[in-house]
Protein backbone atom coordinates (compact mmCIF):
# COMPACT_ATOMS: atom_id res chain seq x y z
CA ASP A 1 54.75 -26.03 16.79
CA LEU A 2 57.20 -23.51 14.86
CA THR A 3 56.06 -22.74 11.51
CA CYS A 4 58.47 -21.40 9.31
CA PRO A 5 58.08 -18.21 6.98
CA PRO A 6 58.12 -18.67 2.96
CA GLY A 7 61.68 -19.34 1.90
CA LYS A 8 62.97 -20.47 5.29
CA LYS A 9 62.91 -24.34 6.83
CA LEU A 10 62.73 -25.82 10.43
CA ASN A 11 66.06 -26.98 11.72
CA PRO A 12 65.25 -28.82 15.09
CA CYS A 13 68.47 -27.95 16.14
CA GLY A 14 68.51 -24.35 15.89
CA ASP A 15 70.31 -21.49 14.05
CA SER A 16 73.79 -22.05 15.43
CA CYS A 17 75.02 -23.33 12.03
CA GLN A 18 73.03 -20.74 9.91
CA VAL A 19 75.45 -19.45 6.96
CA THR A 20 75.18 -15.64 6.65
CA CYS A 21 76.51 -13.21 3.78
CA LYS A 22 79.51 -12.53 5.79
CA ASP A 23 80.28 -16.11 6.19
CA VAL A 24 79.94 -16.43 2.46
CA THR A 25 82.33 -13.49 1.55
CA THR A 26 84.77 -14.45 3.90
CA ASN A 27 84.96 -17.91 2.81
CA ASN A 28 83.53 -19.36 6.10
CA VAL A 29 80.72 -21.04 4.60
CA HIS A 30 81.90 -24.60 6.09
CA LYS A 31 82.12 -23.20 9.60
CA VAL A 32 82.22 -25.74 12.66
CA CYS A 33 78.82 -26.06 14.36
CA PRO A 34 78.39 -26.84 17.77
CA ARG A 35 77.38 -30.63 18.32
CA LYS A 36 74.60 -29.72 21.29
CA CYS A 37 71.33 -28.70 19.80
CA LYS A 38 69.71 -25.46 20.43
CA GLN A 39 65.91 -24.76 20.41
CA PRO A 40 64.22 -25.39 16.86
CA ALA A 41 64.63 -22.17 14.59
CA CYS A 42 63.76 -21.44 11.14
CA VAL A 43 67.16 -20.83 8.78
CA CYS A 44 67.57 -20.69 5.32
CA PRO A 45 67.79 -23.69 3.07
CA ARG A 46 70.98 -24.95 1.83
CA GLY A 47 72.90 -22.90 -0.69
CA GLN A 48 71.17 -19.78 0.69
CA ALA A 49 72.48 -17.38 3.10
CA LEU A 50 70.91 -14.98 5.55
CA ILE A 51 71.13 -11.23 5.46
CA ARG A 52 68.89 -8.80 7.22
CA GLY A 53 66.53 -11.31 7.93
CA GLN A 54 66.08 -12.67 4.33
CA CYS A 55 67.48 -15.79 2.56
CA VAL A 56 69.18 -15.00 -0.52
CA ALA A 57 71.47 -17.48 -3.03
CA TYR A 58 75.23 -17.30 -2.24
CA ASP A 59 76.01 -15.41 -5.31
CA HIS A 60 73.66 -12.58 -4.37
CA CYS A 61 75.87 -11.90 -1.39
CA TRP A 62 78.67 -10.63 -3.46
CA ARG A 63 76.30 -7.91 -5.00
CA LEU A 64 75.11 -6.72 -1.54
CA PRO A 65 76.45 -4.27 0.82
CA PRO A 66 77.59 -5.39 4.18
CA GLU A 67 75.01 -5.84 7.10
CA ASP A 68 76.12 -2.49 8.59
CA GLN A 69 75.35 -0.34 5.74
CA ASP A 70 71.53 0.76 5.11
CA PHE A 71 70.05 -1.28 1.99
CA HIS A 72 66.68 -2.31 1.56
CA ILE A 73 66.26 -6.10 0.00
CA THR A 74 63.20 -6.54 -1.96
CA ILE A 75 61.72 -9.95 -2.67
CA HIS A 76 58.84 -10.47 -5.08
CA THR A 77 57.01 -13.23 -4.53
CA PHE A 78 54.85 -14.91 -7.26
CA CYS A 79 52.54 -18.08 -7.82
CA LYS A 80 54.19 -20.50 -10.34
CA LYS A 81 51.00 -21.80 -12.35
CA THR A 82 50.07 -17.98 -13.26
CA SER A 83 52.80 -16.01 -12.40
CA LYS A 84 50.54 -13.58 -10.61
CA PRO A 85 52.16 -11.47 -7.95
CA VAL A 86 51.57 -12.19 -4.50
CA LYS A 87 52.72 -10.10 -1.53
CA PRO A 88 55.03 -11.77 0.65
CA LEU A 89 52.80 -10.60 3.74
CA ASP A 90 49.72 -12.33 2.43
CA LEU A 91 51.84 -15.62 2.14
CA VAL A 92 53.11 -15.45 5.88
CA ARG A 93 49.49 -14.67 7.21
CA GLY A 94 48.29 -18.19 5.75
CA ARG A 95 47.09 -17.02 2.21
CA ASP A 96 48.43 -19.30 -0.66
CA CYS A 97 48.51 -18.96 -4.27
CA GLY A 98 45.66 -21.40 -4.86
CA ASP A 99 45.06 -25.16 -5.97
CA SER A 100 48.22 -26.78 -7.83
CA GLN A 101 50.20 -23.65 -7.29
CA GLU A 102 53.44 -22.98 -5.58
CA PRO A 103 54.79 -19.57 -4.41
CA TRP A 104 58.62 -18.92 -5.28
CA THR A 105 60.62 -15.76 -4.92
CA LEU A 106 62.66 -13.55 -6.80
């Protein structure tokens, strides 16, 4: 079974329809997708686009430089209940925020 990292969701048909920031900035969000499924893949949720392996809201794409320019994205992950910062790598390794807490990214 494929387990997706925080911020991504499993798409059983693969990532051929994954929206990227380039799609957003070139007005190609509603691109035509192949009807045939590929291998399952982790993709960005609806309303978010992929840039440099990270999912960002569509409106953030306009503020980021194109993929071919050097740029570093820092995503801060917090716990909703306590707002205690949590390192994204800790969440990927299976450590969570705790009971009745949910991670969210900024």
